[in-house]
C-alpha atoms as a PDB file:
ATOM      1  CA  MET A   1       0.024  -0.013  -0.028  1.00  0.00           C
ATOM      2  CA  ALA A   2       3.014   2.284   0.279  1.00  0.00           C
ATOM      3  CA  ASP A   3       2.858   2.938  -3.494  1.00  0.00           C
ATOM      4  CA  VAL A   4      -0.809   3.974  -3.397  1.00  0.00           C
ATOM      5  CA  PRO A   5      -1.369   7.755  -3.172  1.00  0.00           C
ATOM      6  CA  GLU A   6      -2.757   8.730   0.209  1.00  0.00           C
ATOM      7  CA  ASP A   7      -5.952  10.182  -1.291  1.00  0.00           C
ATOM      8  CA  LEU A   8      -6.782   6.836  -2.928  1.00  0.00           C
ATOM      9  CA  LYS A   9      -5.921   4.412  -0.071  1.00  0.00           C
ATOM     10  CA  SER A  10      -9.455   4.286   1.230  1.00  0.00           C
ATOM     11  CA  ARG A  11     -10.666   3.109  -2.237  1.00  0.00           C
ATOM     12  CA  VAL A  12      -8.037   0.369  -2.755  1.00  0.00           C
ATOM     13  CA  PHE A  13      -8.860  -3.170  -1.644  1.00  0.00           C
ATOM     14  CA  LEU A  14      -6.447  -6.083  -1.651  1.00  0.00           C
ATOM     15  CA  LEU A  15      -8.268  -9.357  -1.991  1.00  0.00           C
ATOM     16  CA  GLY A  16      -6.989 -12.793  -2.847  1.00  0.00           C
ATOM     17  CA  VAL A  17      -6.883 -16.496  -2.189  1.00  0.00           C
ATOM     18  CA  ARG A  18      -4.846 -17.831   0.773  1.00  0.00           C
ATOM     19  CA  SER A  19      -2.668 -19.949  -1.564  1.00  0.00           C
ATOM     20  CA  GLU A  20      -3.142 -20.180  -5.339  1.00  0.00           C
ATOM     21  CA  PRO A  21      -6.316 -19.550  -7.365  1.00  0.00           C
ATOM     22  CA  GLU A  22      -6.181 -23.095  -8.678  1.00  0.00           C
ATOM     23  CA  ALA A  23      -6.727 -24.300  -5.093  1.00  0.00           C
ATOM     24  CA  LEU A  24     -10.254 -22.841  -5.214  1.00  0.00           C
ATOM     25  CA  LYS A  25     -11.028 -24.950  -8.263  1.00  0.00           C
ATOM     26  CA  GLN A  26      -9.617 -28.035  -6.570  1.00  0.00           C
ATOM     27  CA  ALA A  27     -11.767 -27.245  -3.481  1.00  0.00           C
ATOM     28  CA  GLY A  28     -14.846 -27.778  -5.711  1.00  0.00           C
ATOM     29  CA  LEU A  29     -15.920 -24.151  -6.179  1.00  0.00           C
ATOM     30  CA  GLY A  30     -15.909 -24.469  -9.967  1.00  0.00           C
ATOM     31  CA  LYS A  31     -14.026 -22.624 -12.736  1.00  0.00           C
ATOM     32  CA  LEU A  32     -12.400 -19.332 -11.831  1.00  0.00           C
ATOM     33  CA  GLU A  33     -15.077 -17.448 -13.829  1.00  0.00           C
ATOM     34  CA  ASP A  34     -17.796 -19.209 -11.800  1.00  0.00           C
ATOM     35  CA  ILE A  35     -16.041 -18.392  -8.531  1.00  0.00           C
ATOM     36  CA  GLY A  36     -15.820 -14.776  -9.575  1.00  0.00           C
ATOM     37  CA  ARG A  37     -19.604 -14.732 -10.189  1.00  0.00           C
ATOM     38  CA  LEU A  38     -20.243 -16.287  -6.819  1.00  0.00           C
ATOM     39  CA  LEU A  39     -18.048 -13.716  -5.116  1.00  0.00           C
ATOM     40  CA  ALA A  40     -19.821 -10.889  -6.913  1.00  0.00           C
ATOM     41  CA  LYS A  41     -23.162 -12.397  -5.929  1.00  0.00           C
ATOM     42  CA  ASP A  42     -22.052 -12.422  -2.302  1.00  0.00           C
ATOM     43  CA  CYS A  43     -21.180  -8.754  -2.556  1.00  0.00           C
ATOM     44  CA  ARG A  44     -24.526  -7.837  -4.227  1.00  0.00           C
ATOM     45  CA  GLU A  45     -26.569  -9.814  -1.663  1.00  0.00           C
ATOM     46  CA  GLY A  46     -24.497  -8.859   1.375  1.00  0.00           C
ATOM     47  CA  THR A  47     -23.642 -12.496   2.120  1.00  0.00           C
ATOM     48  CA  ARG A  48     -20.359 -14.295   2.731  1.00  0.00           C
ATOM     49  CA  ASN A  49     -21.250 -17.715   1.388  1.00  0.00           C
ATOM     50  CA  THR A  50     -18.273 -17.990  -0.951  1.00  0.00           C
ATOM     51  CA  TRP A  51     -16.133 -15.352   0.769  1.00  0.00           C
ATOM     52  CA  GLY A  52     -16.417 -17.451   3.926  1.00  0.00           C
ATOM     53  CA  HIS A  53     -14.552 -20.366   2.337  1.00  0.00           C
ATOM     54  CA  ALA A  54     -11.363 -21.351   4.221  1.00  0.00           C
ATOM     55  CA  LEU A  55      -9.249 -20.231   1.230  1.00  0.00           C
ATOM     56  CA  LEU A  56     -10.923 -16.734   1.125  1.00  0.00           C
ATOM     57  CA  GLN A  57     -12.018 -15.924   4.666  1.00  0.00           C
ATOM     58  CA  HIS A  58      -8.741 -14.081   5.365  1.00  0.00           C
ATOM     59  CA  ASN A  59     -10.191 -11.246   3.226  1.00  0.00           C
ATOM     60  CA  ALA A  60     -12.798 -10.452   5.894  1.00  0.00           C
ATOM     61  CA  ARG A  61     -11.073  -7.286   7.074  1.00  0.00           C
ATOM     62  CA  GLU A  62     -10.969  -5.862   3.569  1.00  0.00           C
ATOM     63  CA  LEU A  63     -14.523  -6.924   2.875  1.00  0.00           C
ATOM     64  CA  ASN A  64     -15.656  -5.201   6.040  1.00  0.00           C
ATOM     65  CA  ARG A  65     -14.236  -2.000   4.608  1.00  0.00           C
ATOM     66  CA  LEU A  66     -16.492  -2.359   1.582  1.00  0.00           C
ATOM     67  CA  ASP A  67     -19.582  -2.215   3.772  1.00  0.00           C
END
């Protein structure tokens, strides 16, 4: 975040998978495109069904900033 200008820091969110994106597919969440749709659906509906997955739940702090 050091490279992000101060006036933009509140609008920058760092989200990712705990290991590698391929691990999400191996965990049975589907293709990466499908996972993206599920994550977007969670955001639209205010749920954490997919974001709560063990490989993604470490993003909770950043997601809380979105609210």
